[in-house]
């Protein structure tokens, strides 16, 4: 039995849930890392060396460069630290911001004033990805099952009503 292009596409669509699994896991890890730094990191004051905000309709991109002097004299510099566009206005024009620093962590520096909202946003992204994963998996499963049981509706012959 030859496989129709519709059945082939329905099978290939299983790539979408696989991608959503990785996205869900990634966003959950980001949320956990930000939260861990926020809770367990040491407080410090970071000097803003550069602030960039692109407020274009098609692409919004915001980042901040920070120089953090820790209590033991160590200096950590972070360049192009991405910040969510919705938080950018709160940081605009500031020369110093309070941060939390957890050395060696994946999210080593978290801006204290937006940290709580930032980790919650990442957690919500993970939840939304999980919901999309479930919906896509169910839809693709039932579409594949339908095609296996009933065949491709596009290949059915239409009966003449007259």
Protein backbone atom coordinates (compact mmCIF):
# COMPACT_ATOMS: atom_id res chain seq x y z
CA UNK A 1 0.00 0.00 0.00
CA UNK A 2 1.45 3.33 -1.06
CA UNK A 3 1.69 6.09 1.49
CA UNK A 4 -0.03 9.29 0.41
CA UNK A 5 1.70 12.62 0.78
CA UNK A 6 -0.88 13.55 3.43
CA UNK A 7 0.11 10.55 5.60
CA UNK A 8 3.78 11.34 5.07
CA UNK A 9 3.24 14.93 6.20
CA UNK A 10 1.19 13.74 9.18
CA UNK A 11 4.09 11.54 10.25
CA UNK A 12 6.69 14.27 9.72
CA UNK A 13 4.64 16.61 11.93
CA UNK A 14 5.79 14.58 14.96
CA UNK A 15 8.85 16.86 14.79
CA UNK A 16 6.72 19.67 16.30
CA UNK A 17 6.08 17.91 19.66
CA UNK A 18 9.75 16.91 19.82
CA UNK A 19 10.80 20.55 19.40
CA UNK A 20 8.22 21.62 22.00
CA UNK A 21 9.64 19.09 24.50
CA UNK A 22 13.06 20.73 24.20
CA UNK A 23 11.56 24.23 24.42
CA UNK A 24 9.55 23.30 27.52
CA UNK A 25 12.63 21.85 29.23
CA UNK A 26 14.79 24.82 28.25
CA UNK A 27 12.36 27.41 29.60
CA UNK A 28 11.89 25.43 32.83
CA UNK A 29 15.68 25.34 33.29
CA UNK A 30 15.95 29.08 32.64
CA UNK A 31 13.23 29.78 35.22
CA UNK A 32 14.95 27.53 37.77
CA UNK A 33 18.36 29.13 37.12
CA UNK A 34 17.04 32.69 37.43
CA UNK A 35 15.15 31.81 40.61
CA UNK A 36 18.20 30.08 42.12
CA UNK A 37 20.39 33.13 41.46
CA UNK A 38 17.72 35.46 42.82
CA UNK A 39 17.34 33.47 46.04
CA UNK A 40 20.90 32.27 46.69
CA UNK A 41 22.96 34.95 44.98
CA UNK A 42 24.88 37.61 46.84
CA UNK A 43 23.61 41.18 46.57
CA UNK A 44 25.75 43.66 44.68
CA UNK A 45 25.49 46.92 42.76
CA UNK A 46 26.19 46.80 39.04
CA UNK A 47 27.32 49.77 36.99
CA UNK A 48 25.50 50.05 33.67
CA UNK A 49 28.15 50.47 30.97
CA UNK A 50 25.71 50.34 28.05
CA UNK A 51 21.97 50.21 27.58
CA UNK A 52 20.39 49.35 24.21
CA UNK A 53 16.72 49.24 23.34
CA UNK A 54 15.28 48.65 19.90
CA UNK A 55 11.62 49.58 19.88
CA UNK A 56 10.84 48.62 16.31
CA UNK A 57 7.45 47.10 15.64
CA UNK A 58 8.82 44.06 13.82
CA UNK A 59 11.74 43.33 16.17
CA UNK A 60 12.20 44.46 19.75
CA UNK A 61 15.58 43.69 21.25
CA UNK A 62 16.95 45.04 24.49
CA UNK A 63 20.20 44.41 26.28
CA UNK A 64 22.33 45.90 28.99
CA UNK A 65 26.06 45.70 29.70
CA UNK A 66 26.95 45.45 33.38
CA UNK A 67 30.10 45.72 35.44
CA UNK A 68 29.69 44.24 38.92
CA UNK A 69 32.23 44.83 41.68
CA UNK A 70 31.78 42.12 44.31
CA UNK A 71 32.59 42.45 48.01
CA UNK A 72 35.80 40.40 47.68
CA UNK A 73 37.12 42.73 44.96
CA UNK A 74 36.33 40.45 42.01
CA UNK A 75 34.86 42.22 39.00
CA UNK A 76 32.41 40.49 36.68
CA UNK A 77 31.49 42.04 33.38
CA UNK A 78 28.50 40.89 31.36
CA UNK A 79 27.99 42.17 27.86
CA UNK A 80 24.72 42.11 25.95
CA UNK A 81 22.74 40.70 28.86
CA UNK A 82 19.33 40.32 27.21
CA UNK A 83 16.40 41.76 29.07
CA UNK A 84 12.72 41.29 28.30
CA UNK A 85 11.36 44.26 26.36
CA UNK A 86 8.62 44.84 28.93
CA UNK A 87 11.30 45.44 31.61
CA UNK A 88 13.52 47.68 29.51
CA UNK A 89 11.71 50.93 30.34
CA UNK A 90 12.33 50.38 34.07
CA UNK A 91 16.09 50.18 33.47
CA UNK A 92 16.41 53.01 30.94
CA UNK A 93 18.57 55.89 32.11
CA UNK A 94 19.91 54.12 35.20
CA UNK A 95 23.64 54.16 35.81
CA UNK A 96 23.58 51.60 38.64
CA UNK A 97 21.21 48.72 39.38
CA UNK A 98 21.02 46.30 42.30
CA UNK A 99 21.76 42.73 41.20
CA UNK A 100 22.09 39.26 42.65
CA UNK A 101 25.22 37.30 41.70
CA UNK A 102 25.67 33.54 41.94
CA UNK A 103 29.13 32.69 40.67
CA UNK A 104 29.30 29.79 38.25
CA UNK A 105 25.54 29.59 37.73
CA UNK A 106 24.01 29.50 34.26
CA UNK A 107 22.27 32.78 35.09
CA UNK A 108 25.17 34.31 36.99
CA UNK A 109 23.72 37.83 37.28
CA UNK A 110 20.04 38.68 37.81
CA UNK A 111 18.81 42.26 38.05
CA UNK A 112 17.06 42.36 41.42
CA UNK A 113 14.26 44.74 40.49
CA UNK A 114 13.01 42.57 37.62
CA UNK A 115 14.28 39.15 38.75
CA UNK A 116 11.03 37.92 40.26
CA UNK A 117 9.01 38.82 37.18
CA UNK A 118 11.77 37.48 34.91
CA UNK A 119 11.80 33.97 36.41
CA UNK A 120 8.00 33.87 36.47
CA UNK A 121 7.90 34.87 32.80
CA UNK A 122 10.27 32.01 31.95
CA UNK A 123 8.15 29.59 34.01
CA UNK A 124 4.99 30.73 32.20
CA UNK A 125 6.78 30.27 28.86
CA UNK A 126 7.53 26.71 29.93
CA UNK A 127 3.89 26.09 30.88
CA UNK A 128 2.67 27.53 27.57
CA UNK A 129 5.12 25.31 25.70
CA UNK A 130 3.86 22.31 27.66
CA UNK A 131 0.25 23.13 26.77
CA UNK A 132 1.23 23.54 23.10
CA UNK A 133 3.08 20.21 23.32
CA UNK A 134 0.00 18.43 24.65
CA UNK A 135 -2.36 20.00 22.11
CA UNK A 136 -0.02 19.34 19.18
CA UNK A 137 0.59 15.75 20.27
CA UNK A 138 -3.11 14.99 20.65
CA UNK A 139 -3.97 16.62 17.32
CA UNK A 140 -1.18 14.89 15.41
CA UNK A 141 -1.95 11.54 17.06
CA UNK A 142 -5.63 11.66 16.10
CA UNK A 143 -4.88 12.92 12.60
CA UNK A 144 -2.45 10.04 12.03
CA UNK A 145 -4.97 7.58 13.48
CA UNK A 146 -7.73 8.93 11.27
CA UNK A 147 -5.55 8.64 8.16
CA UNK A 148 -4.55 5.08 9.07
CA UNK A 149 -8.14 3.92 9.70
CA UNK A 150 -10.10 5.81 7.06
CA UNK A 151 -7.47 6.75 4.49
CA UNK A 152 -6.70 10.11 2.97
CA UNK A 153 -9.95 12.06 2.43
CA UNK A 154 -8.32 13.88 -0.49
CA UNK A 155 -8.03 10.59 -2.37
CA UNK A 156 -11.68 9.56 -1.96
CA UNK A 157 -13.86 9.62 -5.00
CA UNK A 158 -16.76 12.01 -4.92
CA UNK A 159 -20.07 10.45 -5.86
CA UNK A 160 -22.17 12.20 -8.46
CA UNK A 161 -25.30 13.51 -6.68
CA UNK A 162 -27.46 13.30 -9.84
